[in-house]
Amino acid sequence: MTAAPPLTWLYAPGDRPQVVAKALTSGADVVIVDLEDAVAPDRKAYARDATADLLGDPPPVPVHVRVNALDSPWAEPDIGALAEAPGLSGLRLPKVTSAAGITHIAHRTTAALYALLESALAVEQAYAVATAHPNLRGIALGEADLRADLGVRDDTGLDWSRSRVVVAARAAGLPPPAQSVHPDIRDLEGLAASCARGRVLGFLGRAAIHPRQLPVIERAYLPTGDEIERAETVLKAAAAEQGAQALPDGRFVDAAVVAAARRTLSLAGRR
């Protein structure tokens, strides 16, 4: 059985080390230390230095760092200070619009890279970005900026862009994208409904901005008891015979169905 993929990514502002420390014990699969939107310009240098100190040794959970936008004056110092930090698990690159942005960074670090697509142009370039370099390990949307760029009036206006990014990731052989953050930390019911919609679209897991959102995201993306039972039935049938076959309940089992069942059971181990 393959290891279960991460389902929760928790953002914490890089200029508040005490908040980062709490995030590391929150239960999130990955902590994202944010040097970009969460940090005011006059705090950028402090946030960078504090994050470099944090990553001098491997932390208890994987830590990614969202650096500043590549066309900003802070991006180069961010990458120079953090790209080879012993405790760094990944660099998240905001506002990527082309493959060139990825290759530029990939030549400077061996860290895993994750591209955030936050504009109409970026969505149009999703597959090119996703295949830019072997060190790119994932793509995702930055929906706040994308919503503003597109001028959409409600959440459904982003569904095409969401599907575009899911398809691009799959075509490039990358893991399914995680959903963008749900900005209202009190709206847990809305978060759950949004996660259910994201799961339908092919996302896997979600970024969060508060620890209270983590259990809602995990519950939404964990397989149900019925899904686990169905997956186990598929794998038992596949072990008994070779090739495609039909189960007694009429479901057709082939290699693709077996692969999906294995993914379900890899997640089931988290329950």
C-alpha atoms as a PDB file:
ATOM      1  CA  MET A   1       0.000   0.000   0.000  1.00  0.00           C
ATOM      2  CA  THR A   2       1.368   3.417  -0.960  1.00  0.00           C
ATOM      3  CA  ALA A   3       1.685   6.141   1.651  1.00  0.00           C
ATOM      4  CA  ALA A   4      -1.387   8.319   2.099  1.00  0.00           C
ATOM      5  CA  PRO A   5      -1.049  11.694   0.355  1.00  0.00           C
ATOM      6  CA  PRO A   6      -1.330  14.896   2.393  1.00  0.00           C
ATOM      7  CA  LEU A   7      -4.794  16.388   2.764  1.00  0.00           C
ATOM      8  CA  THR A   8      -4.193  19.541   4.804  1.00  0.00           C
ATOM      9  CA  TRP A   9      -1.813  22.452   4.314  1.00  0.00           C
ATOM     10  CA  LEU A  10      -1.894  25.198   6.959  1.00  0.00           C
ATOM     11  CA  TYR A  11      -0.641  28.714   6.232  1.00  0.00           C
ATOM     12  CA  ALA A  12       1.166  30.671   8.963  1.00  0.00           C
ATOM     13  CA  PRO A  13       2.675  34.160   8.619  1.00  0.00           C
ATOM     14  CA  GLY A  14       6.452  34.129   8.557  1.00  0.00           C
ATOM     15  CA  ASP A  15       6.798  37.235  10.713  1.00  0.00           C
ATOM     16  CA  ARG A  16       4.955  35.593  13.639  1.00  0.00           C
ATOM     17  CA  PRO A  17       7.179  32.740  14.836  1.00  0.00           C
ATOM     18  CA  GLN A  18       4.818  31.916  17.698  1.00  0.00           C
ATOM     19  CA  VAL A  19       1.996  31.293  15.219  1.00  0.00           C
ATOM     20  CA  VAL A  20       4.291  29.145  13.094  1.00  0.00           C
ATOM     21  CA  ALA A  21       5.224  27.128  16.195  1.00  0.00           C
ATOM     22  CA  LYS A  22       1.537  26.488  16.919  1.00  0.00           C
ATOM     23  CA  ALA A  23       0.945  25.512  13.304  1.00  0.00           C
ATOM     24  CA  LEU A  24       3.652  22.856  13.582  1.00  0.00           C
ATOM     25  CA  THR A  25       1.632  21.150  16.340  1.00  0.00           C
ATOM     26  CA  SER A  26      -1.800  21.700  14.753  1.00  0.00           C
ATOM     27  CA  GLY A  27      -2.079  18.323  13.059  1.00  0.00           C
ATOM     28  CA  ALA A  28      -1.709  19.744   9.547  1.00  0.00           C
ATOM     29  CA  ASP A  29       0.070  17.462   7.112  1.00  0.00           C
ATOM     30  CA  VAL A  30       2.142  20.368   5.785  1.00  0.00           C
ATOM     31  CA  VAL A  31       2.769  23.840   7.231  1.00  0.00           C
ATOM     32  CA  ILE A  32       3.206  26.678   4.740  1.00  0.00           C
ATOM     33  CA  VAL A  33       5.193  29.595   6.117  1.00  0.00           C
ATOM     34  CA  ASP A  34       3.983  32.623   4.206  1.00  0.00           C
ATOM     35  CA  LEU A  35       6.381  35.407   3.277  1.00  0.00           C
ATOM     36  CA  GLU A  36       4.028  36.953   0.735  1.00  0.00           C
ATOM     37  CA  ASP A  37       0.476  38.194   1.335  1.00  0.00           C
ATOM     38  CA  ALA A  38       0.477  37.693   5.114  1.00  0.00           C
ATOM     39  CA  VAL A  39       3.569  39.859   5.675  1.00  0.00           C
ATOM     40  CA  ALA A  40       3.705  43.656   5.373  1.00  0.00           C
ATOM     41  CA  PRO A  41       6.559  45.154   3.308  1.00  0.00           C
ATOM     42  CA  ASP A  42       8.391  46.491   6.354  1.00  0.00           C
ATOM     43  CA  ARG A  43       8.333  43.004   7.921  1.00  0.00           C
ATOM     44  CA  LYS A  44       9.611  41.037   4.915  1.00  0.00           C
ATOM     45  CA  ALA A  45      13.254  40.889   6.022  1.00  0.00           C
ATOM     46  CA  TYR A  46      12.319  39.860   9.549  1.00  0.00           C
ATOM     47  CA  ALA A  47       9.985  37.141   8.260  1.00  0.00           C
ATOM     48  CA  ARG A  48      12.718  35.804   5.970  1.00  0.00           C
ATOM     49  CA  ASP A  49      15.301  35.694   8.766  1.00  0.00           C
ATOM     50  CA  ALA A  50      12.893  34.068  11.221  1.00  0.00           C
ATOM     51  CA  THR A  51      11.998  31.420   8.654  1.00  0.00           C
ATOM     52  CA  ALA A  52      15.652  30.725   7.876  1.00  0.00           C
ATOM     53  CA  ASP A  53      16.240  30.183  11.603  1.00  0.00           C
ATOM     54  CA  LEU A  54      13.260  27.824  11.799  1.00  0.00           C
ATOM     55  CA  LEU A  55      14.522  25.754   8.893  1.00  0.00           C
ATOM     56  CA  GLY A  56      18.077  25.460  10.170  1.00  0.00           C
ATOM     57  CA  ASP A  57      17.038  22.032  11.430  1.00  0.00           C
ATOM     58  CA  PRO A  58      14.302  19.710  10.133  1.00  0.00           C
ATOM     59  CA  PRO A  59      10.970  20.591  11.806  1.00  0.00           C
ATOM     60  CA  PRO A  60       8.514  17.946  13.104  1.00  0.00           C
ATOM     61  CA  VAL A  61       6.294  18.148   9.998  1.00  0.00           C
ATOM     62  CA  PRO A  62       7.063  19.103   6.387  1.00  0.00           C
ATOM     63  CA  VAL A  63       7.376  22.859   5.923  1.00  0.00           C
ATOM     64  CA  HIS A  64       6.888  24.692   2.653  1.00  0.00           C
ATOM     65  CA  VAL A  65       7.620  28.389   2.239  1.00  0.00           C
ATOM     66  CA  ARG A  66       5.566  30.651   0.034  1.00  0.00           C
ATOM     67  CA  VAL A  67       8.109  33.184  -1.146  1.00  0.00           C
ATOM     68  CA  ASN A  68       7.237  36.540  -2.596  1.00  0.00           C
ATOM     69  CA  ALA A  69       6.184  36.907  -6.229  1.00  0.00           C
ATOM     70  CA  LEU A  70       9.067  36.364  -8.616  1.00  0.00           C
ATOM     71  CA  ASP A  71       8.797  39.884 -10.035  1.00  0.00           C
ATOM     72  CA  SER A  72       8.904  41.500  -6.591  1.00  0.00           C
ATOM     73  CA  PRO A  73      12.044  42.955  -4.943  1.00  0.00           C
ATOM     74  CA  TRP A  74      11.839  40.347  -2.159  1.00  0.00           C
ATOM     75  CA  ALA A  75      11.832  37.144  -4.216  1.00  0.00           C
ATOM     76  CA  GLU A  76      15.564  36.914  -4.859  1.00  0.00           C
ATOM     77  CA  PRO A  77      16.535  37.462  -1.190  1.00  0.00           C
ATOM     78  CA  ASP A  78      13.873  34.916  -0.152  1.00  0.00           C
ATOM     79  CA  ILE A  79      15.194  32.243  -2.452  1.00  0.00           C
ATOM     80  CA  GLY A  80      18.818  32.999  -1.680  1.00  0.00           C
ATOM     81  CA  ALA A  81      18.218  32.643   2.059  1.00  0.00           C
ATOM     82  CA  LEU A  82      15.949  29.596   1.998  1.00  0.00           C
ATOM     83  CA  ALA A  83      16.489  27.514  -1.124  1.00  0.00           C
ATOM     84  CA  GLU A  84      18.943  25.102   0.516  1.00  0.00           C
ATOM     85  CA  ALA A  85      17.741  25.282   4.117  1.00  0.00           C
ATOM     86  CA  PRO A  86      18.008  21.828   5.795  1.00  0.00           C
ATOM     87  CA  GLY A  87      14.410  21.921   7.037  1.00  0.00           C
ATOM     88  CA  LEU A  88      12.781  23.065   3.798  1.00  0.00           C
ATOM     89  CA  SER A  89      10.407  20.596   2.124  1.00  0.00           C
ATOM     90  CA  GLY A  90       9.207  22.822  -0.687  1.00  0.00           C
ATOM     91  CA  LEU A  91       9.070  26.312  -2.178  1.00  0.00           C
ATOM     92  CA  ARG A  92       5.666  27.638  -3.194  1.00  0.00           C
ATOM     93  CA  LEU A  93       5.933  30.165  -5.998  1.00  0.00           C
ATOM     94  CA  PRO A  94       3.049  32.654  -6.218  1.00  0.00           C
ATOM     95  CA  LYS A  95       1.689  34.371  -9.307  1.00  0.00           C
ATOM     96  CA  VAL A  96       3.474  32.105 -11.775  1.00  0.00           C
ATOM     97  CA  THR A  97       2.412  32.850 -15.360  1.00  0.00           C
ATOM     98  CA  SER A  98       4.873  30.847 -17.476  1.00  0.00           C
ATOM     99  CA  ALA A  99       7.229  27.895 -17.544  1.00  0.00           C
ATOM    100  CA  ALA A 100      10.168  30.317 -17.572  1.00  0.00           C
ATOM    101  CA  GLY A 101       9.431  31.349 -14.002  1.00  0.00           C
ATOM    102  CA  ILE A 102       9.768  27.743 -12.882  1.00  0.00           C
ATOM    103  CA  THR A 103      12.964  26.976 -14.781  1.00  0.00           C
ATOM    104  CA  HIS A 104      14.588  30.150 -13.454  1.00  0.00           C
ATOM    105  CA  ILE A 105      14.090  28.975  -9.864  1.00  0.00           C
ATOM    106  CA  ALA A 106      14.770  25.299 -10.572  1.00  0.00           C
ATOM    107  CA  HIS A 107      18.306  26.163 -11.671  1.00  0.00           C
ATOM    108  CA  ARG A 108      18.986  27.699  -8.259  1.00  0.00           C
ATOM    109  CA  THR A 109      17.709  25.042  -5.884  1.00  0.00           C
ATOM    110  CA  THR A 110      17.105  21.329  -5.537  1.00  0.00           C
ATOM    111  CA  ALA A 111      13.981  21.956  -3.445  1.00  0.00           C
ATOM    112  CA  ALA A 112      10.595  20.707  -4.570  1.00  0.00           C
ATOM    113  CA  LEU A 113       8.687  23.506  -6.292  1.00  0.00           C
ATOM    114  CA  TYR A 114       4.947  24.232  -6.275  1.00  0.00           C
ATOM    115  CA  ALA A 115       3.397  26.762  -8.636  1.00  0.00           C
ATOM    116  CA  LEU A 116       0.402  28.913  -7.714  1.00  0.00           C
ATOM    117  CA  LEU A 117      -1.673  30.023 -10.704  1.00  0.00           C
ATOM    118  CA  GLU A 118      -3.509  33.225  -9.874  1.00  0.00           C
ATOM    119  CA  SER A 119      -4.544  34.871 -13.156  1.00  0.00           C
ATOM    120  CA  ALA A 120      -6.291  34.118 -16.422  1.00  0.00           C
ATOM    121  CA  LEU A 121      -2.919  33.956 -18.186  1.00  0.00           C
ATOM    122  CA  ALA A 122      -1.614  31.482 -15.626  1.00  0.00           C
ATOM    123  CA  VAL A 123      -4.622  29.191 -16.091  1.00  0.00           C
ATOM    124  CA  GLU A 124      -4.109  29.270 -19.860  1.00  0.00           C
ATOM    125  CA  GLN A 125      -0.470  28.257 -19.277  1.00  0.00           C
ATOM    126  CA  ALA A 126      -1.283  25.535 -16.726  1.00  0.00           C
ATOM    127  CA  TYR A 127       0.087  22.548 -18.653  1.00  0.00           C
ATOM    128  CA  ALA A 128       3.237  24.389 -19.765  1.00  0.00           C
ATOM    129  CA  VAL A 129       3.908  25.346 -16.158  1.00  0.00           C
ATOM    130  CA  ALA A 130       3.134  21.835 -14.914  1.00  0.00           C
ATOM    131  CA  THR A 131       5.714  20.320 -17.282  1.00  0.00           C
ATOM    132  CA  ALA A 132       8.359  23.044 -16.918  1.00  0.00           C
ATOM    133  CA  HIS A 133      10.881  21.096 -14.820  1.00  0.00           C
ATOM    134  CA  PRO A 134      11.179  17.756 -12.965  1.00  0.00           C
ATOM    135  CA  ASN A 135      11.532  19.628  -9.661  1.00  0.00           C
ATOM    136  CA  LEU A 136       8.018  20.993 -10.032  1.00  0.00           C
ATOM    137  CA  ARG A 137       5.926  18.714  -7.821  1.00  0.00           C
ATOM    138  CA  GLY A 138       2.534  20.378  -7.924  1.00  0.00           C
ATOM    139  CA  ILE A 139       0.302  23.170  -9.161  1.00  0.00           C
ATOM    140  CA  ALA A 140      -2.657  24.875  -7.513  1.00  0.00           C
ATOM    141  CA  LEU A 141      -4.884  27.890  -7.901  1.00  0.00           C
ATOM    142  CA  GLY A 142      -4.675  31.121  -5.956  1.00  0.00           C
ATOM    143  CA  GLU A 143      -8.378  31.845  -6.103  1.00  0.00           C
ATOM    144  CA  ALA A 144      -8.577  35.260  -4.449  1.00  0.00           C
ATOM    145  CA  ASP A 145      -6.415  36.881  -7.124  1.00  0.00           C
ATOM    146  CA  LEU A 146      -7.954  34.779  -9.891  1.00  0.00           C
ATOM    147  CA  ARG A 147     -11.485  35.764  -8.855  1.00  0.00           C
ATOM    148  CA  ALA A 148     -10.511  39.428  -9.022  1.00  0.00           C
ATOM    149  CA  ASP A 149      -8.753  38.982 -12.365  1.00  0.00           C
ATOM    150  CA  LEU A 150     -11.730  37.256 -13.950  1.00  0.00           C
ATOM    151  CA  GLY A 151     -14.367  39.413 -12.298  1.00  0.00           C
ATOM    152  CA  VAL A 152     -16.546  36.408 -11.490  1.00  0.00           C
ATOM    153  CA  ARG A 153     -19.572  37.057  -9.310  1.00  0.00           C
ATOM    154  CA  ASP A 154     -19.797  33.812  -7.388  1.00  0.00           C
ATOM    155  CA  ASP A 155     -17.880  30.649  -6.630  1.00  0.00           C
ATOM    156  CA  THR A 156     -19.209  28.674  -9.600  1.00  0.00           C
ATOM    157  CA  GLY A 157     -17.529  31.146 -11.925  1.00  0.00           C
ATOM    158  CA  LEU A 158     -14.211  29.479 -11.092  1.00  0.00           C
ATOM    159  CA  ASP A 159     -15.283  25.922 -11.932  1.00  0.00           C
ATOM    160  CA  TRP A 160     -13.811  25.942 -15.436  1.00  0.00           C
ATOM    161  CA  SER A 161     -10.453  27.199 -14.152  1.00  0.00           C
ATOM    162  CA  ARG A 162     -10.508  24.603 -11.387  1.00  0.00           C
ATOM    163  CA  SER A 163     -11.135  21.790 -13.845  1.00  0.00           C
ATOM    164  CA  ARG A 164      -8.446  23.151 -16.168  1.00  0.00           C
ATOM    165  CA  VAL A 165      -5.848  22.945 -13.397  1.00  0.00           C
ATOM    166  CA  VAL A 166      -6.950  19.449 -12.330  1.00  0.00           C
ATOM    167  CA  VAL A 167      -6.629  18.229 -15.932  1.00  0.00           C
ATOM    168  CA  ALA A 168      -3.249  19.928 -16.425  1.00  0.00           C
ATOM    169  CA  ALA A 169      -1.856  18.335 -13.266  1.00  0.00           C
ATOM    170  CA  ARG A 170      -3.037  14.892 -14.309  1.00  0.00           C
ATOM    171  CA  ALA A 171      -1.730  15.291 -17.861  1.00  0.00           C
ATOM    172  CA  ALA A 172       1.672  16.275 -16.460  1.00  0.00           C
ATOM    173  CA  GLY A 173       1.774  13.297 -14.087  1.00  0.00           C
ATOM    174  CA  LEU A 174       1.497  15.487 -10.981  1.00  0.00           C
ATOM    175  CA  PRO A 175      -0.645  14.775  -7.902  1.00  0.00           C
ATOM    176  CA  PRO A 176      -4.193  16.156  -7.878  1.00  0.00           C
ATOM    177  CA  PRO A 177      -4.147  19.809  -6.829  1.00  0.00           C
ATOM    178  CA  ALA A 178      -5.262  20.885  -3.379  1.00  0.00           C
ATOM    179  CA  GLN A 179      -8.055  23.427  -3.169  1.00  0.00           C
ATOM    180  CA  SER A 180      -7.370  27.063  -2.454  1.00  0.00           C
ATOM    181  CA  VAL A 181      -8.167  28.452   0.999  1.00  0.00           C
ATOM    182  CA  HIS A 182     -11.693  29.143   2.245  1.00  0.00           C
ATOM    183  CA  PRO A 183     -11.282  32.697   3.574  1.00  0.00           C
ATOM    184  CA  ASP A 184     -14.063  32.731   6.208  1.00  0.00           C
ATOM    185  CA  ILE A 185     -12.662  30.818   9.184  1.00  0.00           C
ATOM    186  CA  ARG A 186     -16.042  30.846  10.959  1.00  0.00           C
ATOM    187  CA  ASP A 187     -17.985  29.381   8.034  1.00  0.00           C
ATOM    188  CA  LEU A 188     -17.260  25.710   8.626  1.00  0.00           C
ATOM    189  CA  GLU A 189     -20.497  24.601   6.982  1.00  0.00           C
ATOM    190  CA  GLY A 190     -19.612  26.527   3.858  1.00  0.00           C
ATOM    191  CA  LEU A 191     -16.111  25.086   3.966  1.00  0.00           C
ATOM    192  CA  ALA A 192     -17.487  21.547   4.098  1.00  0.00           C
ATOM    193  CA  ALA A 193     -19.804  22.206   1.157  1.00  0.00           C
ATOM    194  CA  SER A 194     -16.987  23.774  -0.842  1.00  0.00           C
ATOM    195  CA  CYS A 195     -14.713  20.796  -0.112  1.00  0.00           C
ATOM    196  CA  ALA A 196     -17.434  18.415  -1.293  1.00  0.00           C
ATOM    197  CA  ARG A 197     -17.622  20.360  -4.553  1.00  0.00           C
ATOM    198  CA  GLY A 198     -13.839  20.314  -4.876  1.00  0.00           C
ATOM    199  CA  ARG A 199     -13.765  16.565  -4.413  1.00  0.00           C
ATOM    200  CA  VAL A 200     -16.288  16.174  -7.238  1.00  0.00           C
ATOM    201  CA  LEU A 201     -14.032  18.279  -9.486  1.00  0.00           C
ATOM    202  CA  GLY A 202     -10.973  16.127  -8.780  1.00  0.00           C
ATOM    203  CA  PHE A 203      -9.100  18.064  -6.110  1.00  0.00           C
ATOM    204  CA  LEU A 204      -7.442  16.273  -3.217  1.00  0.00           C
ATOM    205  CA  GLY A 205      -7.175  18.113   0.091  1.00  0.00           C
ATOM    206  CA  ARG A 206      -7.105  21.805   0.804  1.00  0.00           C
ATOM    207  CA  ALA A 207      -5.040  24.685   2.149  1.00  0.00           C
ATOM    208  CA  ALA A 208      -6.273  26.314   5.377  1.00  0.00           C
ATOM    209  CA  ILE A 209      -5.673  29.585   7.190  1.00  0.00           C
ATOM    210  CA  HIS A 210      -6.796  28.469  10.667  1.00  0.00           C
ATOM    211  CA  PRO A 211      -6.403  25.175  12.568  1.00  0.00           C
ATOM    212  CA  ARG A 212     -10.177  24.914  13.109  1.00  0.00           C
ATOM    213  CA  GLN A 213     -10.547  24.317   9.376  1.00  0.00           C
ATOM    214  CA  LEU A 214      -8.298  21.249   9.349  1.00  0.00           C
ATOM    215  CA  PRO A 215     -10.718  18.578  10.665  1.00  0.00           C
ATOM    216  CA  VAL A 216     -13.444  19.785   8.281  1.00  0.00           C
ATOM    217  CA  ILE A 217     -11.110  19.429   5.304  1.00  0.00           C
ATOM    218  CA  GLU A 218      -9.887  16.020   6.403  1.00  0.00           C
ATOM    219  CA  ARG A 219     -13.409  14.669   6.931  1.00  0.00           C
ATOM    220  CA  ALA A 220     -14.483  15.951   3.524  1.00  0.00           C
ATOM    221  CA  TYR A 221     -11.638  14.239   1.706  1.00  0.00           C
ATOM    222  CA  LEU A 222     -11.444  10.956   3.595  1.00  0.00           C
ATOM    223  CA  PRO A 223     -13.309   8.072   1.938  1.00  0.00           C
ATOM    224  CA  THR A 224     -16.600   7.043   3.483  1.00  0.00           C
ATOM    225  CA  GLY A 225     -17.180   3.582   4.922  1.00  0.00           C
ATOM    226  CA  ASP A 226     -19.132   2.627   1.796  1.00  0.00           C
ATOM    227  CA  GLU A 227     -16.320   3.836  -0.476  1.00  0.00           C
ATOM    228  CA  ILE A 228     -13.804   1.795   1.501  1.00  0.00           C
ATOM    229  CA  GLU A 229     -15.959  -1.315   1.299  1.00  0.00           C
ATOM    230  CA  ARG A 230     -16.410  -0.913  -2.442  1.00  0.00           C
ATOM    231  CA  ALA A 231     -12.665  -0.434  -2.939  1.00  0.00           C
ATOM    232  CA  GLU A 232     -11.870  -3.555  -0.912  1.00  0.00           C
ATOM    233  CA  THR A 233     -14.332  -5.540  -3.024  1.00  0.00           C
ATOM    234  CA  VAL A 234     -12.648  -4.339  -6.196  1.00  0.00           C
ATOM    235  CA  LEU A 235      -9.177  -5.317  -4.986  1.00  0.00           C
ATOM    236  CA  LYS A 236     -10.333  -8.745  -3.849  1.00  0.00           C
ATOM    237  CA  ALA A 237     -11.870  -9.372  -7.253  1.00  0.00           C
ATOM    238  CA  ALA A 238      -8.744  -8.136  -9.009  1.00  0.00           C
ATOM    239  CA  ALA A 239      -6.561 -10.464  -6.917  1.00  0.00           C
ATOM    240  CA  ALA A 240      -8.687 -13.468  -7.834  1.00  0.00           C
ATOM    241  CA  GLU A 241      -8.700 -13.036 -11.605  1.00  0.00           C
ATOM    242  CA  GLN A 242      -6.742 -11.405 -14.372  1.00  0.00           C
ATOM    243  CA  GLY A 243      -8.117  -8.867 -16.809  1.00  0.00           C
ATOM    244  CA  ALA A 244     -11.388  -6.972 -16.861  1.00  0.00           C
ATOM    245  CA  GLN A 245     -14.424  -8.429 -15.138  1.00  0.00           C
ATOM    246  CA  ALA A 246     -17.855  -7.603 -13.763  1.00  0.00           C
ATOM    247  CA  LEU A 247     -18.712  -7.797 -10.066  1.00  0.00           C
ATOM    248  CA  PRO A 248     -21.998  -9.358  -8.885  1.00  0.00           C
ATOM    249  CA  ASP A 249     -23.488  -5.891  -8.344  1.00  0.00           C
ATOM    250  CA  GLY A 250     -22.832  -5.000 -11.984  1.00  0.00           C
ATOM    251  CA  ARG A 251     -19.761  -2.831 -11.554  1.00  0.00           C
ATOM    252  CA  PHE A 252     -17.115  -3.324 -14.204  1.00  0.00           C
ATOM    253  CA  VAL A 253     -13.560  -3.794 -12.933  1.00  0.00           C
ATOM    254  CA  ASP A 254     -10.507  -3.018 -15.041  1.00  0.00           C
ATOM    255  CA  ALA A 255      -7.046  -1.573 -14.412  1.00  0.00           C
ATOM    256  CA  ALA A 256      -8.292   2.001 -14.008  1.00  0.00           C
ATOM    257  CA  VAL A 257     -10.931   0.970 -11.474  1.00  0.00           C
ATOM    258  CA  VAL A 258      -8.320  -1.016  -9.543  1.00  0.00           C
ATOM    259  CA  ALA A 259      -5.982   1.998  -9.456  1.00  0.00           C
ATOM    260  CA  ALA A 260      -8.792   4.179  -8.088  1.00  0.00           C
ATOM    261  CA  ALA A 261      -9.562   1.560  -5.429  1.00  0.00           C
ATOM    262  CA  ARG A 262      -5.934   1.564  -4.319  1.00  0.00           C
ATOM    263  CA  ARG A 263      -5.992   5.355  -3.993  1.00  0.00           C
ATOM    264  CA  THR A 264      -9.116   5.115  -1.866  1.00  0.00           C
ATOM    265  CA  LEU A 265      -7.558   2.590   0.484  1.00  0.00           C
ATOM    266  CA  SER A 266      -4.342   4.593   0.774  1.00  0.00           C
ATOM    267  CA  LEU A 267      -6.448   7.438   2.166  1.00  0.00           C
ATOM    268  CA  ALA A 268      -8.513   5.118   4.334  1.00  0.00           C
ATOM    269  CA  GLY A 269      -5.466   4.434   6.497  1.00  0.00           C
ATOM    270  CA  ARG A 270      -5.796   7.967   7.901  1.00  0.00           C
ATOM    271  CA  ARG A 271      -9.222   7.299   9.461  1.00  0.00           C
END
